[in-house]
Each structure stands twice: as C-alpha cells, then as structure tokens.
Amino acid sequence: MPSLGTGLNVLIGLAAAPLLPGIIARVKAMVAGRRGPPPLQGYYDLIRLLHKDHLRSRTATWVFGGAPAVGLAAVVCGLLLMPVGRQPAFFSFEGDWMVLLGCLALARWCAILAALDTGSGFAAMGASRDACFSALAEPALFILLAGLARQTGELSLSGMVAGLAPSAGLTDAPGLALLAAALGLALLAENARIPVDDPNTHLELTMIHEALVLEQAGPDLALMLYGAALKLWLFGLLLMNLLVAFADSFAVWCGMILMAAGIGVVESAMARLRLLKVPPLLVGAAALAALGFALIWRTTP
C-alpha cells in the first residue's frame, strides 16, 4: 500500500518540476554575467498560458487537442513508478521499469502525433528529428535499467534502488559509473538540452523540441511545457537514485538542484552539436551502457 511519504514525494515532484528549467536558465544567465529570469519564471509562464484562450489550427483534428493531456498523463504515471532514494515508489511491481519506458515513449509519441496533425512543415521536420534521436537514446535507457536489474537481482525500480546501496562495492563501481554516464547523456538528449538541442533557439531549421510545440498555444502549450519539465524531473530522479541510492529524500532534492545547476553550466560551456554529430553521441551513450552492463554481468554472481 502506498504510504504518506511516497504520496508526498509525488506531490513534491508535481509542484517542483517547473523549478528545474528556471534554475538552469538562471545559472546560464549568471555564467554569462547577466541577471537572468527568476527561478520561478516557469510558474509565471504556466499561469499566463493557462489564462489564455485555446487557439488551434483549422486543419488539426482531435489528436492535436488530446495529445498534450495524454502525454502529460503518461509522464505523471511514470512519476508514480519512480522511487526517491530510500523511499519506495507510489506504485511498485515487478517489471515496472519497462512500464516506465513505455510511459516515456507514449509521451513522446503524443508530442510527435500532435506535431504531424497540424500539417506544418517545420513541425513535421522537428518530429522526424525527435523520433530519430529518441530511437537512438532509448536503447541506452533500456540497457542501463537492465544492468541495474542484473546488479541488484530485482525487477522493480524500488527494489533496484533499495538494492544498490548494500550491494554496490569497489568491483561494481566501474559498471555503475558507466551506467551513470550513459544516463547523463540520455537525460540531455531526451529533454532537448545542449549539446543535442538548444531549448532557447528560434531558428526553424535547427530546432527540435521547439518545433514540436510550434503550433501549440494557450493551455495546450502549458500542458506541453509542464510535461517537459516533469519529464526532466523524472530523469533527474532516475540519475539521483543511481548516484545517491543510499540517501534520504531531502538529499535527493538537493541533488536535483545541483543537477539543474550542472546542466546550466554545461550549456554555458559548450555549444549545440551539428545534427549529424548527435547520432554518434547517442550511439556512444548506448555503448557506455552496454559496457557497464557487461562489467556488472561479470562481477555479479
């Protein structure tokens, strides 16, 4: 049965997810010597968009209108399956990590369908790029979660995280470090961050995620932006669970803030890669995950 602590973790995630993009933007501005927007800017944008009217293309169908809500619901379902340090997930069962991957895939599929439904050439171009890069990033996620299952002997996310701290030793550290590196690259790719995509770009020929939401406006755009922030929170939880599985919830929240600040520093220190350079990067992430899985397989009895 879900406990009060697990429910509180879900509510904190739902409430604090828009804070991560705000921290990233503020850190980037500070590194560049500017004041930048406040960390709460994401909340202001969501409130402003929710007060606007629905504006949809005449050529769009019910798919365009329903995709943002379904995609957000899929990410929320994924959040319910994610543990927070030593706190188990709200729902936990064997094989829930595969359901998590399915929820993330469903959310992306809804965003792609909504982009294609409008008939916009730029939206379709962004959708094709997003589908291509996600197809290269998802194997890394599958391999690293399978590696955690092998290392801990558990088939649920809560069991994996609970089994990491007592079972991890010096022999397991190299494999787990490779899995963490692969997850870091997948986090940047799946959340449209530099070096894969620039979330602040408005150049139609290069943007990926922004092209997906190019036709969205008002409450629909608010749902898409909130879903993207919640997805970043979900990936951040997965990374923190891998790095500090032994910690309590407060330490995980602090790690999430540091992760957002680290993303801001990375985006300030390097430029976006050319589109042709992104597939090798994602293949490299899958290779790191496969190598980590191989090391864990050899060192785990």
Protein backbone atom coordinates (compact mmCIF):
# COMPACT_ATOMS: atom_id res chain seq x y z
CA MET A 1 0.00 0.00 0.00
CA PRO A 2 1.30 3.50 -0.79
CA SER A 3 2.44 5.38 2.31
CA LEU A 4 2.19 9.04 3.22
CA GLY A 5 5.86 9.54 2.38
CA THR A 6 5.53 8.13 -1.13
CA GLY A 7 2.48 10.28 -1.81
CA LEU A 8 4.33 13.34 -0.53
CA ASN A 9 7.23 12.62 -2.88
CA VAL A 10 4.83 12.55 -5.83
CA LEU A 11 3.23 15.84 -4.79
CA ILE A 12 6.64 17.47 -4.38
CA GLY A 13 7.60 16.31 -7.86
CA LEU A 14 4.38 17.66 -9.38
CA ALA A 15 4.86 21.01 -7.63
CA ALA A 16 8.62 21.47 -8.03
CA ALA A 17 9.15 20.23 -11.61
CA PRO A 18 8.85 23.71 -13.25
CA LEU A 19 11.61 24.91 -10.90
CA LEU A 20 14.33 22.91 -12.70
CA PRO A 21 14.16 24.81 -16.03
CA GLY A 22 14.14 28.05 -14.06
CA ILE A 23 17.32 27.08 -12.19
CA ILE A 24 19.00 26.10 -15.45
CA ALA A 25 18.12 29.42 -17.08
CA ARG A 26 19.26 31.40 -14.02
CA VAL A 27 22.62 29.59 -13.86
CA LYS A 28 23.21 30.15 -17.58
CA ALA A 29 22.50 33.84 -17.13
CA MET A 30 24.84 34.09 -14.14
CA VAL A 31 27.67 32.38 -16.03
CA ALA A 32 27.14 34.82 -18.90
CA GLY A 33 27.27 37.78 -16.49
CA ARG A 34 23.58 38.61 -16.74
CA ARG A 35 20.88 38.74 -14.10
CA GLY A 36 18.52 36.46 -15.99
CA PRO A 37 14.95 35.41 -15.19
CA PRO A 38 13.96 34.39 -11.66
CA PRO A 39 13.97 30.66 -10.87
CA LEU A 40 10.17 30.80 -10.58
CA GLN A 41 9.75 32.04 -14.15
CA GLY A 42 8.42 28.66 -15.25
CA TYR A 43 5.45 29.01 -12.90
CA TYR A 44 4.70 32.51 -14.17
CA ASP A 45 4.72 31.25 -17.77
CA LEU A 46 2.38 28.37 -16.98
CA ILE A 47 -0.09 30.63 -15.18
CA ARG A 48 -0.01 33.12 -18.06
CA LEU A 49 -0.63 30.42 -20.66
CA LEU A 50 -3.45 28.82 -18.67
CA HIS A 51 -5.31 32.14 -18.70
CA LYS A 52 -5.20 32.39 -22.49
CA ASP A 53 -7.80 31.06 -24.90
CA HIS A 54 -7.43 27.84 -26.87
CA LEU A 55 -6.03 28.53 -30.33
CA ARG A 56 -5.85 25.61 -32.72
CA SER A 57 -5.35 25.22 -36.44
CA ARG A 58 -8.41 24.64 -38.57
CA THR A 59 -6.70 21.65 -40.16
CA ALA A 60 -6.00 19.99 -36.79
CA THR A 61 -8.13 17.12 -35.54
CA TRP A 62 -8.98 15.79 -32.09
CA VAL A 63 -5.50 14.25 -31.98
CA PHE A 64 -3.94 17.69 -31.70
CA GLY A 65 -6.26 18.67 -28.87
CA GLY A 66 -5.91 15.46 -26.87
CA ALA A 67 -2.20 14.77 -27.29
CA PRO A 68 -0.93 17.29 -24.67
CA ALA A 69 -3.19 15.91 -21.94
CA VAL A 70 -2.44 12.26 -22.77
CA GLY A 71 1.30 12.96 -22.93
CA LEU A 72 1.23 14.70 -19.56
CA ALA A 73 -0.77 11.83 -18.04
CA ALA A 74 1.85 9.38 -19.31
CA VAL A 75 4.66 11.30 -17.62
CA VAL A 76 2.66 11.51 -14.37
CA CYS A 77 2.19 7.73 -14.49
CA GLY A 78 5.96 7.40 -14.88
CA LEU A 79 6.46 9.61 -11.81
CA LEU A 80 4.25 7.29 -9.77
CA LEU A 81 6.64 4.43 -10.56
CA MET A 82 9.82 6.29 -9.57
CA PRO A 83 11.30 5.83 -6.08
CA VAL A 84 13.07 8.68 -4.29
CA GLY A 85 16.23 7.41 -2.61
CA ARG A 86 15.30 5.06 0.19
CA GLN A 87 11.61 5.91 -0.22
CA PRO A 88 9.84 3.38 -2.50
CA ALA A 89 7.67 4.40 -5.41
CA PHE A 90 3.96 5.13 -5.07
CA PHE A 91 3.29 2.03 -7.19
CA SER A 92 5.84 -0.76 -7.34
CA PHE A 93 5.68 -4.15 -9.03
CA GLU A 94 7.98 -6.48 -10.94
CA GLY A 95 8.71 -5.15 -14.39
CA ASP A 96 7.62 -1.60 -13.61
CA TRP A 97 10.83 -0.28 -15.18
CA MET A 98 9.56 -1.47 -18.55
CA VAL A 99 6.26 0.31 -17.90
CA LEU A 100 8.27 3.46 -17.14
CA LEU A 101 9.97 3.24 -20.52
CA GLY A 102 6.57 2.71 -22.12
CA CYS A 103 5.18 5.83 -20.42
CA LEU A 104 8.09 7.93 -21.69
CA ALA A 105 7.64 6.51 -25.19
CA LEU A 106 3.89 7.26 -25.09
CA ALA A 107 4.52 10.87 -24.07
CA ARG A 108 6.93 11.36 -26.95
CA TRP A 109 4.57 9.62 -29.38
CA CYS A 110 1.77 12.01 -28.40
CA ALA A 111 4.02 15.04 -28.99
CA ILE A 112 5.03 13.71 -32.40
CA LEU A 113 1.42 12.96 -33.38
CA ALA A 114 0.32 16.46 -32.37
CA ALA A 115 3.10 17.98 -34.48
CA LEU A 116 2.22 15.88 -37.52
CA ASP A 117 -1.51 16.51 -37.15
CA THR A 118 -1.16 20.22 -37.91
CA GLY A 119 0.35 19.67 -41.35
CA SER A 120 3.11 22.18 -40.62
CA GLY A 121 6.36 21.51 -42.45
CA PHE A 122 8.55 22.79 -39.61
CA ALA A 123 6.64 20.78 -37.00
CA ALA A 124 6.98 17.63 -39.11
CA MET A 125 10.70 18.26 -39.50
CA GLY A 126 11.12 18.59 -35.75
CA ALA A 127 9.00 15.48 -35.18
CA SER A 128 11.16 13.39 -37.52
CA ARG A 129 14.34 14.54 -35.80
CA ASP A 130 12.89 13.91 -32.36
CA ALA A 131 11.78 10.40 -33.35
CA CYS A 132 15.21 9.62 -34.80
CA PHE A 133 17.13 10.79 -31.74
CA SER A 134 14.77 9.09 -29.29
CA ALA A 135 15.18 5.80 -31.16
CA LEU A 136 18.93 6.11 -30.55
CA ALA A 137 18.61 7.21 -26.90
CA GLU A 138 16.07 4.64 -25.71
CA PRO A 139 18.40 1.62 -26.09
CA ALA A 140 20.78 3.24 -23.59
CA LEU A 141 17.92 3.60 -21.09
CA PHE A 142 16.81 0.01 -21.61
CA ILE A 143 20.34 -1.37 -21.20
CA LEU A 144 21.15 0.64 -18.07
CA LEU A 145 17.90 -0.36 -16.34
CA ALA A 146 18.55 -3.97 -17.32
CA GLY A 147 22.03 -3.57 -15.84
CA LEU A 148 20.57 -2.35 -12.56
CA ALA A 149 18.20 -5.32 -12.54
CA ARG A 150 21.15 -7.66 -13.05
CA GLN A 151 23.27 -5.96 -10.40
CA THR A 152 20.57 -5.97 -7.70
CA GLY A 153 18.62 -9.06 -8.71
CA GLU A 154 15.39 -7.04 -8.57
CA LEU A 155 12.80 -6.44 -11.28
CA SER A 156 11.14 -3.33 -9.80
CA LEU A 157 12.56 0.18 -9.68
CA SER A 158 12.07 0.42 -5.92
CA GLY A 159 13.84 -2.90 -5.45
CA MET A 160 16.71 -1.83 -7.71
CA VAL A 161 17.31 1.40 -5.83
CA ALA A 162 16.97 -0.30 -2.44
CA GLY A 163 19.43 -2.98 -3.51
CA LEU A 164 22.04 -0.61 -4.90
CA ALA A 165 23.49 0.75 -1.65
CA PRO A 166 24.15 -2.52 0.22
CA SER A 167 25.26 -4.49 -2.84
CA ALA A 168 27.45 -1.91 -4.57
CA GLY A 169 31.17 -2.29 -3.89
CA LEU A 170 34.51 -1.49 -5.49
CA THR A 171 34.01 -4.20 -8.09
CA ASP A 172 30.62 -2.76 -9.08
CA ALA A 173 31.71 0.89 -9.14
CA PRO A 174 33.12 0.94 -12.72
CA GLY A 175 29.96 -0.58 -14.18
CA LEU A 176 27.68 1.76 -12.25
CA ALA A 177 29.82 4.76 -13.25
CA LEU A 178 29.41 3.83 -16.92
CA LEU A 179 25.67 3.46 -16.45
CA ALA A 180 25.52 6.88 -14.79
CA ALA A 181 27.47 8.45 -17.66
CA ALA A 182 25.12 6.87 -20.21
CA LEU A 183 22.13 8.10 -18.24
CA GLY A 184 23.55 11.63 -18.16
CA LEU A 185 23.85 11.69 -21.95
CA ALA A 186 20.37 10.20 -22.35
CA LEU A 187 18.99 12.85 -19.95
CA LEU A 188 20.34 15.67 -22.13
CA ALA A 189 19.03 14.04 -25.31
CA GLU A 190 15.58 13.08 -24.04
CA ASN A 191 14.99 16.52 -22.55
CA ALA A 192 16.18 18.54 -25.57
CA ARG A 193 19.16 20.09 -23.82
CA ILE A 194 22.54 21.15 -25.19
CA PRO A 195 24.53 19.57 -26.86
CA VAL A 196 21.64 17.71 -28.55
CA ASP A 197 19.19 20.61 -28.82
CA ASP A 198 19.05 24.24 -27.75
CA PRO A 199 15.76 24.95 -25.92
CA ASN A 200 16.22 28.70 -26.45
CA THR A 201 16.68 28.62 -30.20
CA HIS A 202 14.09 30.08 -32.56
CA LEU A 203 15.84 29.13 -35.80
CA GLU A 204 13.36 26.85 -37.55
CA LEU A 205 15.96 24.86 -39.48
CA THR A 206 17.82 23.69 -36.35
CA MET A 207 15.27 23.43 -33.52
CA ILE A 208 13.87 20.06 -32.49
CA HIS A 209 11.70 20.24 -29.38
CA GLU A 210 10.59 23.80 -30.07
CA ALA A 211 9.39 22.66 -33.50
CA LEU A 212 7.16 20.07 -31.84
CA VAL A 213 5.31 22.75 -29.89
CA LEU A 214 5.42 25.34 -32.67
CA GLU A 215 1.66 25.15 -33.29
CA GLN A 216 0.68 24.89 -29.62
CA ALA A 217 -0.75 27.88 -27.77
CA GLY A 218 -2.53 28.75 -24.56
CA PRO A 219 -3.46 25.90 -22.18
CA ASP A 220 -2.25 23.28 -24.70
CA LEU A 221 1.21 24.83 -24.68
CA ALA A 222 1.10 25.00 -20.88
CA LEU A 223 0.46 21.24 -20.71
CA MET A 224 3.33 20.58 -23.12
CA LEU A 225 5.77 22.77 -21.18
CA TYR A 226 4.71 21.31 -17.85
CA GLY A 227 5.05 17.79 -19.24
CA ALA A 228 8.57 18.61 -20.46
CA ALA A 229 9.53 19.96 -17.02
CA LEU A 230 8.05 16.89 -15.33
CA LYS A 231 9.98 14.65 -17.71
CA LEU A 232 13.22 16.42 -16.76
CA TRP A 233 12.31 15.88 -13.10
CA LEU A 234 11.71 12.19 -13.79
CA PHE A 235 15.09 11.72 -15.46
CA GLY A 236 16.74 13.68 -12.67
CA LEU A 237 15.21 11.35 -10.09
CA LEU A 238 16.49 8.35 -12.01
CA LEU A 239 20.00 9.81 -12.08
CA MET A 240 19.93 10.74 -8.39
CA ASN A 241 18.67 7.27 -7.49
CA LEU A 242 21.65 5.82 -9.30
CA LEU A 243 24.18 8.18 -7.71
CA VAL A 244 22.81 8.52 -4.15
CA ALA A 245 20.59 5.48 -3.68
CA PHE A 246 21.61 5.33 -0.01
CA ALA A 247 20.34 8.86 0.74
CA ASP A 248 17.01 10.08 2.04
CA SER A 249 14.51 12.21 0.14
CA PHE A 250 16.00 15.54 1.26
CA ALA A 251 19.41 14.61 -0.11
CA VAL A 252 17.80 13.63 -3.40
CA TRP A 253 16.04 17.02 -3.63
CA CYS A 254 19.37 18.78 -3.01
CA GLY A 255 20.95 16.60 -5.67
CA MET A 256 18.21 17.61 -8.12
CA ILE A 257 19.04 21.29 -7.59
CA LEU A 258 22.74 20.60 -8.12
CA MET A 259 21.92 18.60 -11.25
CA ALA A 260 19.93 21.52 -12.68
CA ALA A 261 22.80 23.88 -11.90
CA GLY A 262 25.21 21.44 -13.55
CA ILE A 263 23.09 21.36 -16.71
CA GLY A 264 23.20 25.16 -16.75
CA VAL A 265 26.99 25.13 -16.51
CA VAL A 266 27.27 22.54 -19.28
CA GLU A 267 25.01 24.56 -21.57
CA SER A 268 27.09 27.66 -20.86
CA ALA A 269 30.40 25.93 -21.52
CA MET A 270 29.63 24.25 -24.84
CA ALA A 271 27.64 24.82 -27.99
CA ARG A 272 24.98 22.72 -29.61
CA LEU A 273 26.30 19.92 -31.81
CA ARG A 274 25.58 19.74 -35.50
CA LEU A 275 22.67 17.42 -36.27
CA LEU A 276 24.96 14.89 -37.93
CA LYS A 277 27.07 14.71 -34.75
CA VAL A 278 24.15 13.82 -32.49
CA PRO A 279 23.63 10.17 -33.59
CA PRO A 280 27.25 9.19 -32.82
CA LEU A 281 26.86 10.77 -29.38
CA LEU A 282 23.73 8.74 -28.65
CA VAL A 283 25.28 5.57 -30.00
CA GLY A 284 28.20 6.27 -27.67
CA ALA A 285 25.76 6.51 -24.75
CA ALA A 286 24.32 3.10 -25.67
CA ALA A 287 27.87 1.73 -25.93
CA LEU A 288 28.70 3.05 -22.45
CA ALA A 289 25.55 1.43 -21.08
CA ALA A 290 26.39 -1.86 -22.82
CA LEU A 291 29.94 -1.80 -21.43
CA GLY A 292 28.61 -1.06 -17.94
CA PHE A 293 26.12 -3.91 -18.30
CA ALA A 294 28.95 -6.27 -19.36
CA LEU A 295 31.07 -5.29 -16.35
CA ILE A 296 28.15 -5.78 -13.97
CA TRP A 297 27.36 -9.15 -15.57
CA ARG A 298 30.92 -10.36 -14.98
CA THR A 299 31.19 -9.11 -11.39
CA THR A 300 27.71 -10.11 -10.21
CA PRO A 301 27.40 -13.74 -9.07
